[in-house]
């Protein structure tokens, strides 16, 4: 069929008849062909659109996953870069903790510590009225051992004694001191509580120290 004839068929066709599907059998062949081609391209476009939507959703998912993995990689890279520094800090902390523990007396060393405190007081020209162990006080991570002390002397001697106790190799802290004159005597009396500490293990007992 010539092109002019096809054009005439298209021009003579009443396009309002498209709404009458039952009359499709009498439609010109060229109209049927145009409609078939149009439907083909509509279906093709619809399929393409749905494929694009699916690909976009997949792309978005992969982009999100890539961003998550990139963030994790960056975080792990930072940790890996600082790993040696963290290890060195851990070793340093362990050494400092061990050194601190070495300054805490074990239970068997407390009497020796009392002797050291006594010698420090005598070396400071003090006279002891009392020095005795008080009841232990268990804290969460350590055990506190109070030592009650009463000495006679003067302010200078008291200062020398406090400095000497602070210089002992074991950790000793001083608390609740009071100084008052002694009746009919030129000396002063100082009452003070010395405290030493022992590390408490998970079982609740004090750990042995070197």
Protein backbone atom coordinates (compact mmCIF):
# COMPACT_ATOMS: atom_id res chain seq x y z
CA UNK A 1 0.00 0.00 0.00
CA UNK A 2 1.27 3.38 -0.96
CA UNK A 3 2.03 6.02 1.58
CA UNK A 4 -0.65 8.33 0.20
CA UNK A 5 -3.27 5.65 0.65
CA UNK A 6 -2.15 5.06 4.24
CA UNK A 7 -2.35 8.76 4.95
CA UNK A 8 -5.86 8.92 3.48
CA UNK A 9 -6.97 6.01 5.68
CA UNK A 10 -5.63 7.76 8.76
CA UNK A 11 -7.29 11.01 7.77
CA UNK A 12 -10.62 9.35 7.06
CA UNK A 13 -10.64 7.35 10.28
CA UNK A 14 -12.85 8.69 13.04
CA UNK A 15 -10.56 8.58 16.05
CA UNK A 16 -13.55 8.77 18.34
CA UNK A 17 -14.13 5.12 17.44
CA UNK A 18 -11.08 4.20 19.57
CA UNK A 19 -13.38 4.14 22.56
CA UNK A 20 -15.45 1.44 20.86
CA UNK A 21 -13.23 -1.60 21.28
CA UNK A 22 -15.89 -3.90 19.78
CA UNK A 23 -15.46 -2.23 16.40
CA UNK A 24 -11.73 -2.92 16.27
CA UNK A 25 -12.33 -5.49 13.55
CA UNK A 26 -13.40 -2.85 11.05
CA UNK A 27 -10.60 -0.41 11.83
CA UNK A 28 -8.18 0.22 9.01
CA UNK A 29 -5.02 -1.82 9.12
CA UNK A 30 -2.84 1.23 9.35
CA UNK A 31 -4.73 2.36 12.47
CA UNK A 32 -4.28 -1.03 14.05
CA UNK A 33 -0.58 -0.86 13.24
CA UNK A 34 -0.23 2.64 14.75
CA UNK A 35 -2.05 1.56 17.90
CA UNK A 36 0.07 -1.60 18.17
CA UNK A 37 3.26 0.40 17.80
CA UNK A 38 2.03 2.94 20.36
CA UNK A 39 1.16 0.18 22.84
CA UNK A 40 4.55 -1.40 22.27
CA UNK A 41 6.35 1.81 23.11
CA UNK A 42 4.08 2.44 26.12
CA UNK A 43 4.87 -1.03 27.47
CA UNK A 44 8.54 -0.53 26.70
CA UNK A 45 8.56 2.83 28.50
CA UNK A 46 6.70 1.39 31.50
CA UNK A 47 9.14 -1.50 31.78
CA UNK A 48 12.06 0.84 31.41
CA UNK A 49 10.64 3.13 34.12
CA UNK A 50 10.17 0.25 36.56
CA UNK A 51 13.68 -1.01 35.81
CA UNK A 52 15.08 2.47 36.43
CA UNK A 53 13.21 2.69 39.74
CA UNK A 54 14.57 -0.70 40.80
CA UNK A 55 18.10 0.26 39.80
CA UNK A 56 17.82 3.57 41.64
CA UNK A 57 16.67 1.80 44.81
CA UNK A 58 19.52 -0.69 44.47
CA UNK A 59 22.00 2.12 43.85
CA UNK A 60 20.76 3.99 46.92
CA UNK A 61 21.14 0.84 49.02
CA UNK A 62 24.69 0.28 47.80
CA UNK A 63 25.58 3.92 48.36
CA UNK A 64 24.29 3.71 51.94
CA UNK A 65 26.21 0.48 52.54
CA UNK A 66 29.33 2.00 51.01
CA UNK A 67 29.03 5.03 53.31
CA UNK A 68 28.63 2.75 56.34
CA UNK A 69 31.61 0.62 55.36
CA UNK A 70 33.69 3.72 54.66
CA UNK A 71 32.87 5.09 58.13
CA UNK A 72 33.77 1.76 59.76
CA UNK A 73 36.99 1.60 57.77
CA UNK A 74 37.97 5.11 58.82
CA UNK A 75 37.24 4.34 62.48
CA UNK A 76 39.25 1.13 62.35
CA UNK A 77 42.06 2.90 60.53
CA UNK A 78 42.26 5.45 63.35
CA UNK A 79 42.30 2.66 65.94
CA UNK A 80 44.96 0.77 64.02
CA UNK A 81 47.08 3.89 63.69
CA UNK A 82 46.90 4.49 67.45
CA UNK A 83 47.16 0.84 68.47
CA UNK A 84 50.85 1.02 69.35
CA UNK A 85 50.23 4.17 71.39
CA UNK A 86 47.36 2.49 73.24
CA UNK A 87 49.54 -0.53 73.97
CA UNK A 88 52.32 1.69 75.28
CA UNK A 89 49.86 3.56 77.50
CA UNK A 90 48.48 0.27 78.81
CA UNK A 91 51.96 -0.97 79.67
CA UNK A 92 52.75 2.34 81.38
CA UNK A 93 49.53 2.18 83.41
CA UNK A 94 50.26 -1.40 84.45
CA UNK A 95 53.76 -0.40 85.54
CA UNK A 96 52.45 2.58 87.50
CA UNK A 97 49.80 0.41 89.14
CA UNK A 98 52.39 -2.19 90.08
CA UNK A 99 54.60 0.56 91.52
CA UNK A 100 51.67 1.88 93.53
CA UNK A 101 50.90 -1.60 94.85
CA UNK A 102 54.52 -1.98 95.89
CA UNK A 103 54.03 1.00 98.20
CA UNK A 104 51.10 -0.64 99.99
CA UNK A 105 52.10 -2.86 102.90
CA UNK A 106 50.92 -6.43 103.10
CA UNK A 107 49.15 -7.64 106.22
CA UNK A 108 52.36 -9.10 107.59
CA UNK A 109 54.21 -5.82 107.01
CA UNK A 110 51.85 -3.62 109.05
CA UNK A 111 53.69 -4.25 112.36
CA UNK A 112 56.94 -3.26 110.63
CA UNK A 113 55.24 -0.10 109.40
CA UNK A 114 54.17 0.72 112.96
CA UNK A 115 57.79 0.29 114.00
CA UNK A 116 58.86 2.67 111.20
CA UNK A 117 56.33 5.28 112.35
CA UNK A 118 57.54 4.89 115.92
CA UNK A 119 61.19 5.28 114.92
CA UNK A 120 60.27 8.37 112.89
CA UNK A 121 58.57 9.88 115.93
CA UNK A 122 61.45 9.09 118.25
CA UNK A 123 63.87 10.50 115.69
CA UNK A 124 61.79 13.70 115.74
CA UNK A 125 62.29 14.00 119.54
CA UNK A 126 58.68 13.02 120.27
CA UNK A 127 57.48 10.96 123.22
CA UNK A 128 54.78 8.41 122.46
CA UNK A 129 51.82 8.17 124.80
CA UNK A 130 50.02 5.73 122.53
CA UNK A 131 50.39 4.05 119.13
CA UNK A 132 48.09 1.17 118.30
CA UNK A 133 46.24 -0.39 115.39
CA UNK A 134 42.54 0.31 115.03
CA UNK A 135 39.97 -1.92 113.34
CA UNK A 136 40.38 -2.32 109.59
CA UNK A 137 37.85 -0.62 107.33
CA UNK A 138 37.03 -2.45 104.08
CA UNK A 139 36.40 -0.20 101.11
CA UNK A 140 35.38 -1.24 97.60
CA UNK A 141 38.89 -1.65 96.19
CA UNK A 142 41.15 -1.52 99.22
CA UNK A 143 41.36 -2.15 102.96
CA UNK A 144 42.09 0.79 105.20
CA UNK A 145 44.20 0.24 108.32
CA UNK A 146 43.99 3.13 110.85
CA UNK A 147 46.76 3.66 113.41
CA UNK A 148 45.92 5.81 116.44
CA UNK A 149 48.83 7.95 117.65
CA UNK A 150 49.35 10.22 120.66
CA UNK A 151 52.70 11.97 121.06
CA UNK A 152 54.25 14.72 123.18
CA UNK A 153 56.54 17.40 121.76
CA UNK A 154 56.51 20.87 120.28
CA UNK A 155 55.35 22.31 116.97
CA UNK A 156 58.72 21.91 115.32
CA UNK A 157 58.95 18.28 116.40
CA UNK A 158 55.44 17.62 115.11
CA UNK A 159 56.35 19.11 111.73
CA UNK A 160 59.48 16.97 111.52
CA UNK A 161 57.45 13.87 112.38
CA UNK A 162 54.79 14.56 109.73
CA UNK A 163 57.47 15.10 107.07
CA UNK A 164 59.22 11.89 108.10
CA UNK A 165 56.03 9.83 107.88
CA UNK A 166 55.30 11.25 104.42
CA UNK A 167 58.77 10.13 103.29
CA UNK A 168 58.28 6.49 104.33
CA UNK A 169 58.50 3.98 101.44
CA UNK A 170 55.00 2.69 102.21
CA UNK A 171 51.92 4.85 101.68
CA UNK A 172 50.76 6.44 104.94
CA UNK A 173 48.30 9.33 105.19
CA UNK A 174 47.63 11.45 108.27
CA UNK A 175 44.16 12.56 109.39
CA UNK A 176 42.18 14.20 112.20
CA UNK A 177 45.07 15.71 114.11
CA UNK A 178 44.58 17.83 117.22
CA UNK A 179 47.19 19.67 119.30
CA UNK A 180 46.60 20.81 122.86
CA UNK A 181 48.72 21.79 125.84
CA UNK A 182 49.44 19.25 128.55
CA UNK A 183 48.54 20.26 132.11
CA UNK A 184 51.50 21.42 134.20
CA UNK A 185 53.93 20.66 131.38
CA UNK A 186 55.59 22.78 128.74
CA UNK A 187 55.10 20.13 126.06
CA UNK A 188 52.17 19.84 123.69
CA UNK A 189 50.18 16.71 122.97
CA UNK A 190 49.21 15.79 119.42
CA UNK A 191 46.63 13.13 118.62
CA UNK A 192 46.54 12.00 115.02
CA UNK A 193 45.29 9.09 112.96
CA UNK A 194 47.67 7.52 110.46
CA UNK A 195 46.16 5.36 107.75
CA UNK A 196 47.79 2.82 105.51
CA UNK A 197 46.12 0.78 102.79
CA UNK A 198 46.16 -2.66 101.25
CA UNK A 199 44.79 -3.56 97.83
CA UNK A 200 41.66 -5.65 97.98
CA UNK A 201 41.41 -8.63 95.63
CA UNK A 202 38.22 -9.88 93.97
CA UNK A 203 37.75 -12.36 96.79
CA UNK A 204 37.64 -9.50 99.28
CA UNK A 205 41.04 -10.15 100.84
CA UNK A 206 44.04 -7.91 100.66
CA UNK A 207 46.49 -8.70 97.92
CA UNK A 208 50.07 -9.46 98.79
CA UNK A 209 52.49 -6.75 97.76
CA UNK A 210 56.19 -7.09 96.98
